[in-house]
PDB file of all heavy atoms in Angstrom:
ATOM      1  N   GLU A   1     -16.094  13.937  12.329  1.00  0.00           N
ATOM      2  CA  GLU A   1     -15.562  14.975  11.441  1.00  0.00           C
ATOM      3  C   GLU A   1     -14.758  14.301  10.341  1.00  0.00           C
ATOM      4  O   GLU A   1     -13.740  13.653  10.610  1.00  0.00           O
ATOM      5  CB  GLU A   1     -14.678  15.949  12.217  1.00  0.00           C
ATOM      6  CG  GLU A   1     -14.116  17.058  11.360  1.00  0.00           C
ATOM      7  CD  GLU A   1     -13.213  17.993  12.141  1.00  0.00           C
ATOM      8  OE1 GLU A   1     -12.196  17.504  12.702  1.00  0.00           O
ATOM      9  OE2 GLU A   1     -13.521  19.186  12.219  1.00  0.00           O
ATOM     10  N   LEU A   2     -15.214  14.449   9.106  1.00  0.00           N
ATOM     11  CA  LEU A   2     -14.565  13.781   7.981  1.00  0.00           C
ATOM     12  C   LEU A   2     -13.252  14.469   7.623  1.00  0.00           C
ATOM     13  O   LEU A   2     -13.202  15.676   7.422  1.00  0.00           O
ATOM     14  CB  LEU A   2     -15.502  13.792   6.772  1.00  0.00           C
ATOM     15  CG  LEU A   2     -15.050  12.972   5.555  1.00  0.00           C
ATOM     16  CD1 LEU A   2     -14.994  11.491   5.905  1.00  0.00           C
ATOM     17  CD2 LEU A   2     -16.005  13.210   4.391  1.00  0.00           C
ATOM     18  N   ILE A   3     -12.184  13.694   7.534  1.00  0.00           N
ATOM     19  CA  ILE A   3     -10.868  14.221   7.175  1.00  0.00           C
ATOM     20  C   ILE A   3     -10.556  13.925   5.715  1.00  0.00           C
ATOM     21  O   ILE A   3     -10.258  14.817   4.929  1.00  0.00           O
ATOM     22  CB  ILE A   3      -9.781  13.641   8.100  1.00  0.00           C
ATOM     23  CG1 ILE A   3     -10.028  14.113   9.543  1.00  0.00           C
ATOM     24  CG2 ILE A   3      -8.388  14.053   7.621  1.00  0.00           C
ATOM     25  CD1 ILE A   3      -9.112  13.480  10.551  1.00  0.00           C
ATOM     26  N   THR A   4     -10.633  12.650   5.354  1.00  0.00           N
ATOM     27  CA  THR A   4     -10.399  12.233   3.964  1.00  0.00           C
ATOM     28  C   THR A   4     -11.668  11.605   3.427  1.00  0.00           C
ATOM     29  O   THR A   4     -12.125  10.591   3.954  1.00  0.00           O
ATOM     30  CB  THR A   4      -9.241  11.218   3.876  1.00  0.00           C
ATOM     31  OG1 THR A   4      -8.076  11.770   4.483  1.00  0.00           O
ATOM     32  CG2 THR A   4      -8.944  10.892   2.423  1.00  0.00           C
ATOM     33  N   PRO A   5     -12.287  12.189   2.394  1.00  0.00           N
ATOM     34  CA  PRO A   5     -13.560  11.676   1.874  1.00  0.00           C
ATOM     35  C   PRO A   5     -13.430  10.260   1.318  1.00  0.00           C
ATOM     36  O   PRO A   5     -12.340   9.787   1.001  1.00  0.00           O
ATOM     37  CB  PRO A   5     -13.910  12.671   0.757  1.00  0.00           C
ATOM     38  CG  PRO A   5     -13.115  13.893   1.045  1.00  0.00           C
ATOM     39  CD  PRO A   5     -11.853  13.409   1.689  1.00  0.00           C
ATOM     40  N   LEU A   6     -14.567   9.615   1.189  1.00  0.00           N
ATOM     41  CA  LEU A   6     -14.635   8.267   0.636  1.00  0.00           C
ATOM     42  C   LEU A   6     -14.063   8.245  -0.780  1.00  0.00           C
ATOM     43  O   LEU A   6     -14.417   9.069  -1.623  1.00  0.00           O
ATOM     44  CB  LEU A   6     -16.093   7.795   0.606  1.00  0.00           C
ATOM     45  CG  LEU A   6     -16.347   6.363   0.145  1.00  0.00           C
ATOM     46  CD1 LEU A   6     -15.781   5.365   1.148  1.00  0.00           C
ATOM     47  CD2 LEU A   6     -17.842   6.134  -0.046  1.00  0.00           C
ATOM     48  N   ARG A   7     -13.167   7.294  -1.033  1.00  0.00           N
ATOM     49  CA  ARG A   7     -12.521   7.183  -2.334  1.00  0.00           C
ATOM     50  C   ARG A   7     -12.093   5.737  -2.531  1.00  0.00           C
ATOM     51  O   ARG A   7     -12.074   4.947  -1.586  1.00  0.00           O
ATOM     52  CB  ARG A   7     -11.305   8.101  -2.425  1.00  0.00           C
ATOM     53  CG  ARG A   7     -10.167   7.669  -1.498  1.00  0.00           C
ATOM     54  CD  ARG A   7      -9.123   8.745  -1.317  1.00  0.00           C
ATOM     55  NE  ARG A   7      -7.948   8.265  -0.612  1.00  0.00           N
ATOM     56  CZ  ARG A   7      -7.890   8.055   0.698  1.00  0.00           C
ATOM     57  NH1 ARG A   7      -8.956   8.266   1.458  1.00  0.00           N
ATOM     58  NH2 ARG A   7      -6.771   7.626   1.270  1.00  0.00           N
ATOM     59  N   GLN A   8     -11.701   5.396  -3.751  1.00  0.00           N
ATOM     60  CA  GLN A   8     -11.155   4.076  -4.038  1.00  0.00           C
ATOM     61  C   GLN A   8      -9.641   4.136  -4.101  1.00  0.00           C
ATOM     62  O   GLN A   8      -9.076   5.124  -4.584  1.00  0.00           O
ATOM     63  CB  GLN A   8     -11.695   3.546  -5.365  1.00  0.00           C
ATOM     64  CG  GLN A   8     -13.142   3.135  -5.336  1.00  0.00           C
ATOM     65  CD  GLN A   8     -13.524   2.324  -6.558  1.00  0.00           C
ATOM     66  OE1 GLN A   8     -12.902   1.306  -6.854  1.00  0.00           O
ATOM     67  NE2 GLN A   8     -14.544   2.775  -7.273  1.00  0.00           N
ATOM     68  N   GLN A   9      -8.982   3.089  -3.617  1.00  0.00           N
ATOM     69  CA  GLN A   9      -7.537   3.007  -3.711  1.00  0.00           C
ATOM     70  C   GLN A   9      -7.109   1.553  -3.576  1.00  0.00           C
ATOM     71  O   GLN A   9      -7.890   0.693  -3.174  1.00  0.00           O
ATOM     72  CB  GLN A   9      -6.855   3.846  -2.625  1.00  0.00           C
ATOM     73  CG  GLN A   9      -6.974   3.278  -1.221  1.00  0.00           C
ATOM     74  CD  GLN A   9      -6.179   4.081  -0.198  1.00  0.00           C
ATOM     75  OE1 GLN A   9      -6.177   5.310  -0.241  1.00  0.00           O
ATOM     76  NE2 GLN A   9      -5.514   3.391   0.708  1.00  0.00           N
ATOM     77  N   VAL A  10      -5.868   1.298  -3.930  1.00  0.00           N
ATOM     78  CA  VAL A  10      -5.290  -0.037  -3.777  1.00  0.00           C
ATOM     79  C   VAL A  10      -4.692  -0.152  -2.377  1.00  0.00           C
ATOM     80  O   VAL A  10      -3.906   0.695  -1.962  1.00  0.00           O
ATOM     81  CB  VAL A  10      -4.206  -0.297  -4.841  1.00  0.00           C
ATOM     82  CG1 VAL A  10      -3.480  -1.610  -4.540  1.00  0.00           C
ATOM     83  CG2 VAL A  10      -4.818  -0.327  -6.232  1.00  0.00           C
ATOM     84  N   ASP A  11      -5.103  -1.168  -1.650  1.00  0.00           N
ATOM     85  CA  ASP A  11      -4.559  -1.428  -0.316  1.00  0.00           C
ATOM     86  C   ASP A  11      -4.513  -2.941  -0.131  1.00  0.00           C
ATOM     87  O   ASP A  11      -5.539  -3.580   0.127  1.00  0.00           O
ATOM     88  CB  ASP A  11      -5.409  -0.769   0.768  1.00  0.00           C
ATOM     89  CG  ASP A  11      -4.720  -0.770   2.121  1.00  0.00           C
ATOM     90  OD1 ASP A  11      -4.413  -1.867   2.633  1.00  0.00           O
ATOM     91  OD2 ASP A  11      -4.480   0.328   2.669  1.00  0.00           O
ATOM     92  N   LEU A  12      -3.325  -3.508  -0.279  1.00  0.00           N
ATOM     93  CA  LEU A  12      -3.170  -4.963  -0.242  1.00  0.00           C
ATOM     94  C   LEU A  12      -3.558  -5.554   1.107  1.00  0.00           C
ATOM     95  O   LEU A  12      -4.230  -6.587   1.178  1.00  0.00           O
ATOM     96  CB  LEU A  12      -1.734  -5.345  -0.585  1.00  0.00           C
ATOM     97  CG  LEU A  12      -1.220  -4.927  -1.966  1.00  0.00           C
ATOM     98  CD1 LEU A  12       0.229  -5.363  -2.143  1.00  0.00           C
ATOM     99  CD2 LEU A  12      -2.090  -5.525  -3.060  1.00  0.00           C
ATOM    100  N   ASP A  13      -3.143  -4.900   2.180  1.00  0.00           N
ATOM    101  CA  ASP A  13      -3.420  -5.432   3.511  1.00  0.00           C
ATOM    102  C   ASP A  13      -4.911  -5.427   3.809  1.00  0.00           C
ATOM    103  O   ASP A  13      -5.476  -6.447   4.234  1.00  0.00           O
ATOM    104  CB  ASP A  13      -2.676  -4.619   4.571  1.00  0.00           C
ATOM    105  CG  ASP A  13      -2.949  -5.128   5.986  1.00  0.00           C
ATOM    106  OD1 ASP A  13      -2.542  -6.268   6.285  1.00  0.00           O
ATOM    107  OD2 ASP A  13      -3.592  -4.398   6.772  1.00  0.00           O
ATOM    108  N   ALA A  14      -5.569  -4.296   3.580  1.00  0.00           N
ATOM    109  CA  ALA A  14      -7.002  -4.202   3.861  1.00  0.00           C
ATOM    110  C   ALA A  14      -7.795  -5.155   2.981  1.00  0.00           C
ATOM    111  O   ALA A  14      -8.723  -5.825   3.449  1.00  0.00           O
ATOM    112  CB  ALA A  14      -7.482  -2.766   3.667  1.00  0.00           C
ATOM    113  N   ALA A  15      -7.435  -5.242   1.692  1.00  0.00           N
ATOM    114  CA  ALA A  15      -8.140  -6.145   0.778  1.00  0.00           C
ATOM    115  C   ALA A  15      -8.002  -7.591   1.229  1.00  0.00           C
ATOM    116  O   ALA A  15      -8.952  -8.375   1.164  1.00  0.00           O
ATOM    117  CB  ALA A  15      -7.609  -5.969  -0.635  1.00  0.00           C
ATOM    118  N   GLY A  16      -6.817  -7.959   1.697  1.00  0.00           N
ATOM    119  CA  GLY A  16      -6.605  -9.309   2.187  1.00  0.00           C
ATOM    120  C   GLY A  16      -7.430  -9.601   3.425  1.00  0.00           C
ATOM    121  O   GLY A  16      -8.032 -10.680   3.540  1.00  0.00           O
ATOM    122  N   ARG A  17      -7.488  -8.659   4.344  1.00  0.00           N
ATOM    123  CA  ARG A  17      -8.245  -8.866   5.569  1.00  0.00           C
ATOM    124  C   ARG A  17      -9.748  -8.917   5.300  1.00  0.00           C
ATOM    125  O   ARG A  17     -10.500  -9.586   6.016  1.00  0.00           O
ATOM    126  CB  ARG A  17      -7.920  -7.762   6.580  1.00  0.00           C
ATOM    127  CG  ARG A  17      -6.478  -7.796   7.060  1.00  0.00           C
ATOM    128  CD  ARG A  17      -6.163  -6.665   8.026  1.00  0.00           C
ATOM    129  NE  ARG A  17      -6.896  -6.823   9.274  1.00  0.00           N
ATOM    130  CZ  ARG A  17      -6.807  -5.962  10.295  1.00  0.00           C
ATOM    131  NH1 ARG A  17      -6.014  -4.898  10.192  1.00  0.00           N
ATOM    132  NH2 ARG A  17      -7.502  -6.156  11.400  1.00  0.00           N
ATOM    133  N   LEU A  18     -10.182  -8.208   4.260  1.00  0.00           N
ATOM    134  CA  LEU A  18     -11.594  -8.225   3.870  1.00  0.00           C
ATOM    135  C   LEU A  18     -11.936  -9.404   2.964  1.00  0.00           C
ATOM    136  O   LEU A  18     -13.072  -9.541   2.532  1.00  0.00           O
ATOM    137  CB  LEU A  18     -11.958  -6.913   3.168  1.00  0.00           C
ATOM    138  CG  LEU A  18     -12.046  -5.677   4.060  1.00  0.00           C
ATOM    139  CD1 LEU A  18     -12.078  -4.409   3.215  1.00  0.00           C
ATOM    140  CD2 LEU A  18     -13.266  -5.740   4.972  1.00  0.00           C
ATOM    141  N   ARG A  19     -10.924 -10.234   2.663  1.00  0.00           N
ATOM    142  CA  ARG A  19     -11.092 -11.438   1.835  1.00  0.00           C
ATOM    143  C   ARG A  19     -11.600 -11.104   0.430  1.00  0.00           C
ATOM    144  O   ARG A  19     -12.494 -11.773  -0.106  1.00  0.00           O
ATOM    145  CB  ARG A  19     -12.017 -12.450   2.524  1.00  0.00           C
ATOM    146  CG  ARG A  19     -11.590 -12.850   3.925  1.00  0.00           C
ATOM    147  CD  ARG A  19     -12.142 -14.206   4.312  1.00  0.00           C
ATOM    148  NE  ARG A  19     -13.578 -14.282   4.283  1.00  0.00           N
ATOM    149  CZ  ARG A  19     -14.379 -14.104   5.343  1.00  0.00           C
ATOM    150  NH1 ARG A  19     -13.838 -13.820   6.523  1.00  0.00           N
ATOM    151  NH2 ARG A  19     -15.684 -14.218   5.230  1.00  0.00           N
ATOM    152  N   LEU A  20     -11.027 -10.054  -0.168  1.00  0.00           N
ATOM    153  CA  LEU A  20     -11.445  -9.617  -1.500  1.00  0.00           C
ATOM    154  C   LEU A  20     -10.627 -10.313  -2.585  1.00  0.00           C
ATOM    155  O   LEU A  20      -9.472 -10.698  -2.366  1.00  0.00           O
ATOM    156  CB  LEU A  20     -11.283  -8.098  -1.629  1.00  0.00           C
ATOM    157  CG  LEU A  20     -12.094  -7.245  -0.647  1.00  0.00           C
ATOM    158  CD1 LEU A  20     -11.778  -5.767  -0.862  1.00  0.00           C
ATOM    159  CD2 LEU A  20     -13.590  -7.507  -0.802  1.00  0.00           C
ATOM    160  N   GLN A  21     -11.207 -10.432  -3.760  1.00  0.00           N
ATOM    161  CA  GLN A  21     -10.507 -11.007  -4.902  1.00  0.00           C
ATOM    162  C   GLN A  21      -9.554 -10.004  -5.542  1.00  0.00           C
ATOM    163  O   GLN A  21      -8.549 -10.375  -6.131  1.00  0.00           O
ATOM    164  CB  GLN A  21     -11.525 -11.494  -5.940  1.00  0.00           C
ATOM    165  CG  GLN A  21     -12.438 -12.612  -5.449  1.00  0.00           C
ATOM    166  CD  GLN A  21     -11.674 -13.878  -5.103  1.00  0.00           C
ATOM    167  OE1 GLN A  21     -10.747 -14.270  -5.809  1.00  0.00           O
ATOM    168  NE2 GLN A  21     -12.059 -14.516  -3.999  1.00  0.00           N
ATOM    169  N   SER A  22      -9.895  -8.709  -5.452  1.00  0.00           N
ATOM    170  CA  SER A  22      -9.034  -7.667  -6.008  1.00  0.00           C
ATOM    171  C   SER A  22      -8.336  -6.927  -4.876  1.00  0.00           C
ATOM    172  O   SER A  22      -8.569  -7.203  -3.693  1.00  0.00           O
ATOM    173  CB  SER A  22      -9.860  -6.675  -6.842  1.00  0.00           C
ATOM    174  OG  SER A  22     -10.666  -5.876  -5.995  1.00  0.00           O
ATOM    175  N   ASP A  23      -7.476  -5.966  -5.234  1.00  0.00           N
ATOM    176  CA  ASP A  23      -6.720  -5.214  -4.228  1.00  0.00           C
ATOM    177  C   ASP A  23      -7.306  -3.827  -3.986  1.00  0.00           C
ATOM    178  O   ASP A  23      -6.752  -3.043  -3.212  1.00  0.00           O
ATOM    179  CB  ASP A  23      -5.252  -5.050  -4.679  1.00  0.00           C
ATOM    180  CG  ASP A  23      -4.555  -6.397  -4.826  1.00  0.00           C
ATOM    181  OD1 ASP A  23      -4.899  -7.304  -4.046  1.00  0.00           O
ATOM    182  OD2 ASP A  23      -3.695  -6.522  -5.714  1.00  0.00           O
ATOM    183  N   ARG A  24      -8.415  -3.506  -4.631  1.00  0.00           N
ATOM    184  CA  ARG A  24      -9.018  -2.184  -4.492  1.00  0.00           C
ATOM    185  C   ARG A  24     -10.091  -2.195  -3.410  1.00  0.00           C
ATOM    186  O   ARG A  24     -10.879  -3.140  -3.291  1.00  0.00           O
ATOM    187  CB  ARG A  24      -9.625  -1.714  -5.818  1.00  0.00           C
ATOM    188  CG  ARG A  24      -8.599  -1.547  -6.931  1.00  0.00           C
ATOM    189  CD  ARG A  24      -9.192  -0.828  -8.126  1.00  0.00           C
ATOM    190  NE  ARG A  24      -9.491   0.563  -7.828  1.00  0.00           N
ATOM    191  CZ  ARG A  24      -8.584   1.544  -7.870  1.00  0.00           C
ATOM    192  NH1 ARG A  24      -7.330   1.277  -8.208  1.00  0.00           N
ATOM    193  NH2 ARG A  24      -8.933   2.785  -7.599  1.00  0.00           N
ATOM    194  N   VAL A  25     -10.089  -1.133  -2.618  1.00  0.00           N
ATOM    195  CA  VAL A  25     -11.082  -0.962  -1.554  1.00  0.00           C
ATOM    196  C   VAL A  25     -11.585   0.477  -1.579  1.00  0.00           C
ATOM    197  O   VAL A  25     -10.959   1.362  -2.164  1.00  0.00           O
ATOM    198  CB  VAL A  25     -10.489  -1.263  -0.156  1.00  0.00           C
ATOM    199  CG1 VAL A  25     -10.043  -2.716  -0.044  1.00  0.00           C
ATOM    200  CG2 VAL A  25      -9.315  -0.320   0.143  1.00  0.00           C
ATOM    201  N   HIS A  26     -12.721   0.712  -0.956  1.00  0.00           N
ATOM    202  CA  HIS A  26     -13.168   2.057  -0.658  1.00  0.00           C
ATOM    203  C   HIS A  26     -12.634   2.411   0.722  1.00  0.00           C
ATOM    204  O   HIS A  26     -12.654   1.566   1.631  1.00  0.00           O
ATOM    205  CB  HIS A  26     -14.691   2.149  -0.655  1.00  0.00           C
ATOM    206  CG  HIS A  26     -15.299   2.292  -2.019  1.00  0.00           C
ATOM    207  ND1 HIS A  26     -15.276   1.286  -2.956  1.00  0.00           N
ATOM    208  CD2 HIS A  26     -15.946   3.343  -2.600  1.00  0.00           C
ATOM    209  CE1 HIS A  26     -15.898   1.685  -4.056  1.00  0.00           C
ATOM    210  NE2 HIS A  26     -16.303   2.928  -3.870  1.00  0.00           N
ATOM    211  N   THR A  27     -12.156   3.622   0.902  1.00  0.00           N
ATOM    212  CA  THR A  27     -11.612   4.007   2.199  1.00  0.00           C
ATOM    213  C   THR A  27     -11.931   5.458   2.511  1.00  0.00           C
ATOM    214  O   THR A  27     -12.163   6.274   1.603  1.00  0.00           O
ATOM    215  CB  THR A  27     -10.085   3.776   2.247  1.00  0.00           C
ATOM    216  OG1 THR A  27      -9.596   4.082   3.552  1.00  0.00           O
ATOM    217  CG2 THR A  27      -9.376   4.642   1.220  1.00  0.00           C
ATOM    218  N   LEU A  28     -11.972   5.780   3.785  1.00  0.00           N
ATOM    219  CA  LEU A  28     -12.162   7.155   4.251  1.00  0.00           C
ATOM    220  C   LEU A  28     -11.527   7.272   5.624  1.00  0.00           C
ATOM    221  O   LEU A  28     -11.240   6.271   6.283  1.00  0.00           O
ATOM    222  CB  LEU A  28     -13.650   7.521   4.301  1.00  0.00           C
ATOM    223  CG  LEU A  28     -14.561   6.697   5.211  1.00  0.00           C
ATOM    224  CD1 LEU A  28     -14.655   7.307   6.622  1.00  0.00           C
ATOM    225  CD2 LEU A  28     -15.962   6.601   4.627  1.00  0.00           C
ATOM    226  N   GLU A  29     -11.306   8.500   6.063  1.00  0.00           N
ATOM    227  CA  GLU A  29     -10.690   8.747   7.364  1.00  0.00           C
ATOM    228  C   GLU A  29     -11.473   9.843   8.077  1.00  0.00           C
ATOM    229  O   GLU A  29     -11.862  10.838   7.467  1.00  0.00           O
ATOM    230  CB  GLU A  29      -9.226   9.173   7.193  1.00  0.00           C
ATOM    231  CG  GLU A  29      -8.459   9.334   8.499  1.00  0.00           C
ATOM    232  CD  GLU A  29      -7.010   9.746   8.260  1.00  0.00           C
ATOM    233  OE1 GLU A  29      -6.794  10.626   7.388  1.00  0.00           O
ATOM    234  OE2 GLU A  29      -6.110   9.216   8.929  1.00  0.00           O
ATOM    235  N   PHE A  30     -11.700   9.647   9.355  1.00  0.00           N
ATOM    236  CA  PHE A  30     -12.405  10.662  10.138  1.00  0.00           C
ATOM    237  C   PHE A  30     -11.906  10.636  11.582  1.00  0.00           C
ATOM    238  O   PHE A  30     -11.269   9.671  12.017  1.00  0.00           O
ATOM    239  CB  PHE A  30     -13.924  10.434  10.101  1.00  0.00           C
ATOM    240  CG  PHE A  30     -14.376   9.144  10.745  1.00  0.00           C
ATOM    241  CD1 PHE A  30     -14.635   9.068  12.114  1.00  0.00           C
ATOM    242  CD2 PHE A  30     -14.561   7.993   9.985  1.00  0.00           C
ATOM    243  CE1 PHE A  30     -15.050   7.885  12.702  1.00  0.00           C
ATOM    244  CE2 PHE A  30     -14.982   6.802  10.564  1.00  0.00           C
ATOM    245  CZ  PHE A  30     -15.227   6.750  11.929  1.00  0.00           C
ATOM    246  N   ARG A  31     -12.183  11.700  12.285  1.00  0.00           N
ATOM    247  CA  ARG A  31     -11.930  11.684  13.715  1.00  0.00           C
ATOM    248  C   ARG A  31     -13.254  11.916  14.439  1.00  0.00           C
ATOM    249  O   ARG A  31     -14.180  12.510  13.877  1.00  0.00           O
ATOM    250  CB  ARG A  31     -10.900  12.741  14.129  1.00  0.00           C
ATOM    251  CG  ARG A  31     -11.300  14.188  13.902  1.00  0.00           C
ATOM    252  CD  ARG A  31     -10.213  15.126  14.402  1.00  0.00           C
ATOM    253  NE  ARG A  31     -10.600  16.538  14.231  1.00  0.00           N
ATOM    254  CZ  ARG A  31      -9.888  17.556  14.693  1.00  0.00           C
ATOM    255  NH1 ARG A  31      -8.745  17.325  15.329  1.00  0.00           N
ATOM    256  NH2 ARG A  31     -10.307  18.793  14.512  1.00  0.00           N
ATOM    257  N   ARG A  32     -13.331  11.426  15.652  1.00  0.00           N
ATOM    258  CA  ARG A  32     -14.558  11.574  16.425  1.00  0.00           C
ATOM    259  C   ARG A  32     -14.266  12.470  17.623  1.00  0.00           C
ATOM    260  O   ARG A  32     -13.209  12.371  18.256  1.00  0.00           O
ATOM    261  CB  ARG A  32     -15.096  10.212  16.865  1.00  0.00           C
ATOM    262  CG  ARG A  32     -16.547  10.258  17.291  1.00  0.00           C
ATOM    263  CD  ARG A  32     -17.180   8.883  17.312  1.00  0.00           C
ATOM    264  NE  ARG A  32     -17.554   8.416  15.987  1.00  0.00           N
ATOM    265  CZ  ARG A  32     -18.641   8.800  15.342  1.00  0.00           C
ATOM    266  NH1 ARG A  32     -19.462   9.686  15.871  1.00  0.00           N
ATOM    267  NH2 ARG A  32     -18.923   8.302  14.144  1.00  0.00           N
ATOM    268  N   LEU A  33     -15.227  13.370  17.888  1.00  0.00           N
ATOM    269  CA  LEU A  33     -15.056  14.366  18.938  1.00  0.00           C
ATOM    270  C   LEU A  33     -16.187  14.278  19.956  1.00  0.00           C
ATOM    271  O   LEU A  33     -17.324  13.930  19.615  1.00  0.00           O
ATOM    272  CB  LEU A  33     -15.031  15.787  18.355  1.00  0.00           C
ATOM    273  CG  LEU A  33     -14.034  16.079  17.242  1.00  0.00           C
ATOM    274  CD1 LEU A  33     -14.671  15.879  15.876  1.00  0.00           C
ATOM    275  CD2 LEU A  33     -13.486  17.497  17.347  1.00  0.00           C
ATOM    276  N   HIS A  34     -15.852  14.623  21.189  1.00  0.00           N
ATOM    277  CA  HIS A  34     -16.842  14.764  22.246  1.00  0.00           C
ATOM    278  C   HIS A  34     -16.668  16.152  22.855  1.00  0.00           C
ATOM    279  O   HIS A  34     -15.581  16.489  23.347  1.00  0.00           O
ATOM    280  CB  HIS A  34     -16.655  13.694  23.319  1.00  0.00           C
ATOM    281  CG  HIS A  34     -17.603  13.826  24.474  1.00  0.00           C
ATOM    282  ND1 HIS A  34     -18.962  13.604  24.352  1.00  0.00           N
ATOM    283  CD2 HIS A  34     -17.395  14.180  25.770  1.00  0.00           C
ATOM    284  CE1 HIS A  34     -19.541  13.803  25.518  1.00  0.00           C
ATOM    285  NE2 HIS A  34     -18.614  14.152  26.390  1.00  0.00           N
ATOM    286  N   ASP A  35     -17.714  16.977  22.799  1.00  0.00           N
ATOM    287  CA  ASP A  35     -17.612  18.371  23.235  1.00  0.00           C
ATOM    288  C   ASP A  35     -16.455  19.075  22.543  1.00  0.00           C
ATOM    289  O   ASP A  35     -15.685  19.813  23.168  1.00  0.00           O
ATOM    290  CB  ASP A  35     -17.445  18.450  24.759  1.00  0.00           C
ATOM    291  CG  ASP A  35     -18.718  18.038  25.499  1.00  0.00           C
ATOM    292  OD1 ASP A  35     -19.797  18.122  24.893  1.00  0.00           O
ATOM    293  OD2 ASP A  35     -18.608  17.640  26.675  1.00  0.00           O
ATOM    294  N   ASP A  36     -16.308  18.812  21.233  1.00  0.00           N
ATOM    295  CA  ASP A  36     -15.269  19.413  20.385  1.00  0.00           C
ATOM    296  C   ASP A  36     -13.852  18.978  20.737  1.00  0.00           C
ATOM    297  O   ASP A  36     -12.878  19.557  20.243  1.00  0.00           O
ATOM    298  CB  ASP A  36     -15.355  20.947  20.416  1.00  0.00           C
ATOM    299  CG  ASP A  36     -16.472  21.483  19.540  1.00  0.00           C
ATOM    300  OD1 ASP A  36     -16.816  20.794  18.547  1.00  0.00           O
ATOM    301  OD2 ASP A  36     -17.002  22.557  19.830  1.00  0.00           O
ATOM    302  N   VAL A  37     -13.717  17.977  21.571  1.00  0.00           N
ATOM    303  CA  VAL A  37     -12.395  17.448  21.920  1.00  0.00           C
ATOM    304  C   VAL A  37     -12.186  16.143  21.150  1.00  0.00           C
ATOM    305  O   VAL A  37     -12.939  15.175  21.338  1.00  0.00           O
ATOM    306  CB  VAL A  37     -12.268  17.182  23.430  1.00  0.00           C
ATOM    307  CG1 VAL A  37     -10.896  16.567  23.746  1.00  0.00           C
ATOM    308  CG2 VAL A  37     -12.461  18.478  24.208  1.00  0.00           C
ATOM    309  N   PRO A  38     -11.175  16.073  20.253  1.00  0.00           N
ATOM    310  CA  PRO A  38     -10.936  14.828  19.504  1.00  0.00           C
ATOM    311  C   PRO A  38     -10.393  13.732  20.416  1.00  0.00           C
ATOM    312  O   PRO A  38      -9.530  13.980  21.247  1.00  0.00           O
ATOM    313  CB  PRO A  38      -9.897  15.244  18.455  1.00  0.00           C
ATOM    314  CG  PRO A  38      -9.200  16.418  19.053  1.00  0.00           C
ATOM    315  CD  PRO A  38     -10.223  17.134  19.880  1.00  0.00           C
ATOM    316  N   PHE A  39     -10.934  12.539  20.268  1.00  0.00           N
ATOM    317  CA  PHE A  39     -10.450  11.418  21.090  1.00  0.00           C
ATOM    318  C   PHE A  39     -10.125  10.184  20.274  1.00  0.00           C
ATOM    319  O   PHE A  39      -9.566   9.228  20.787  1.00  0.00           O
ATOM    320  CB  PHE A  39     -11.474  11.068  22.176  1.00  0.00           C
ATOM    321  CG  PHE A  39     -12.776  10.521  21.661  1.00  0.00           C
ATOM    322  CD1 PHE A  39     -12.955   9.161  21.446  1.00  0.00           C
ATOM    323  CD2 PHE A  39     -13.831  11.376  21.392  1.00  0.00           C
ATOM    324  CE1 PHE A  39     -14.158   8.664  20.973  1.00  0.00           C
ATOM    325  CE2 PHE A  39     -15.045  10.884  20.922  1.00  0.00           C
ATOM    326  CZ  PHE A  39     -15.210   9.527  20.713  1.00  0.00           C
ATOM    327  N   CYS A  40     -10.445  10.197  18.972  1.00  0.00           N
ATOM    328  CA  CYS A  40     -10.270   8.994  18.176  1.00  0.00           C
ATOM    329  C   CYS A  40     -10.086   9.357  16.712  1.00  0.00           C
ATOM    330  O   CYS A  40     -10.772  10.239  16.190  1.00  0.00           O
ATOM    331  CB  CYS A  40     -11.497   8.092  18.344  1.00  0.00           C
ATOM    332  SG  CYS A  40     -11.562   6.682  17.220  1.00  0.00           S
ATOM    333  N   LEU A  41      -9.134   8.699  16.049  1.00  0.00           N
ATOM    334  CA  LEU A  41      -8.925   8.846  14.613  1.00  0.00           C
ATOM    335  C   LEU A  41      -9.117   7.474  13.977  1.00  0.00           C
ATOM    336  O   LEU A  41      -8.481   6.505  14.384  1.00  0.00           O
ATOM    337  CB  LEU A  41      -7.520   9.370  14.310  1.00  0.00           C
ATOM    338  CG  LEU A  41      -7.191   9.586  12.836  1.00  0.00           C
ATOM    339  CD1 LEU A  41      -7.989  10.768  12.279  1.00  0.00           C
ATOM    340  CD2 LEU A  41      -5.695   9.824  12.641  1.00  0.00           C
TER     341      LEU A  41
END
């Protein structure tokens, strides 16, 4: 279940971990459900 749609933003930590030259990344947020019960964000 999509919570925050895919978008671009500046994220220094994520960009560093992804070994990027810039600080911009694509990001999104979702939760996963089993039998309509959320268990993971």
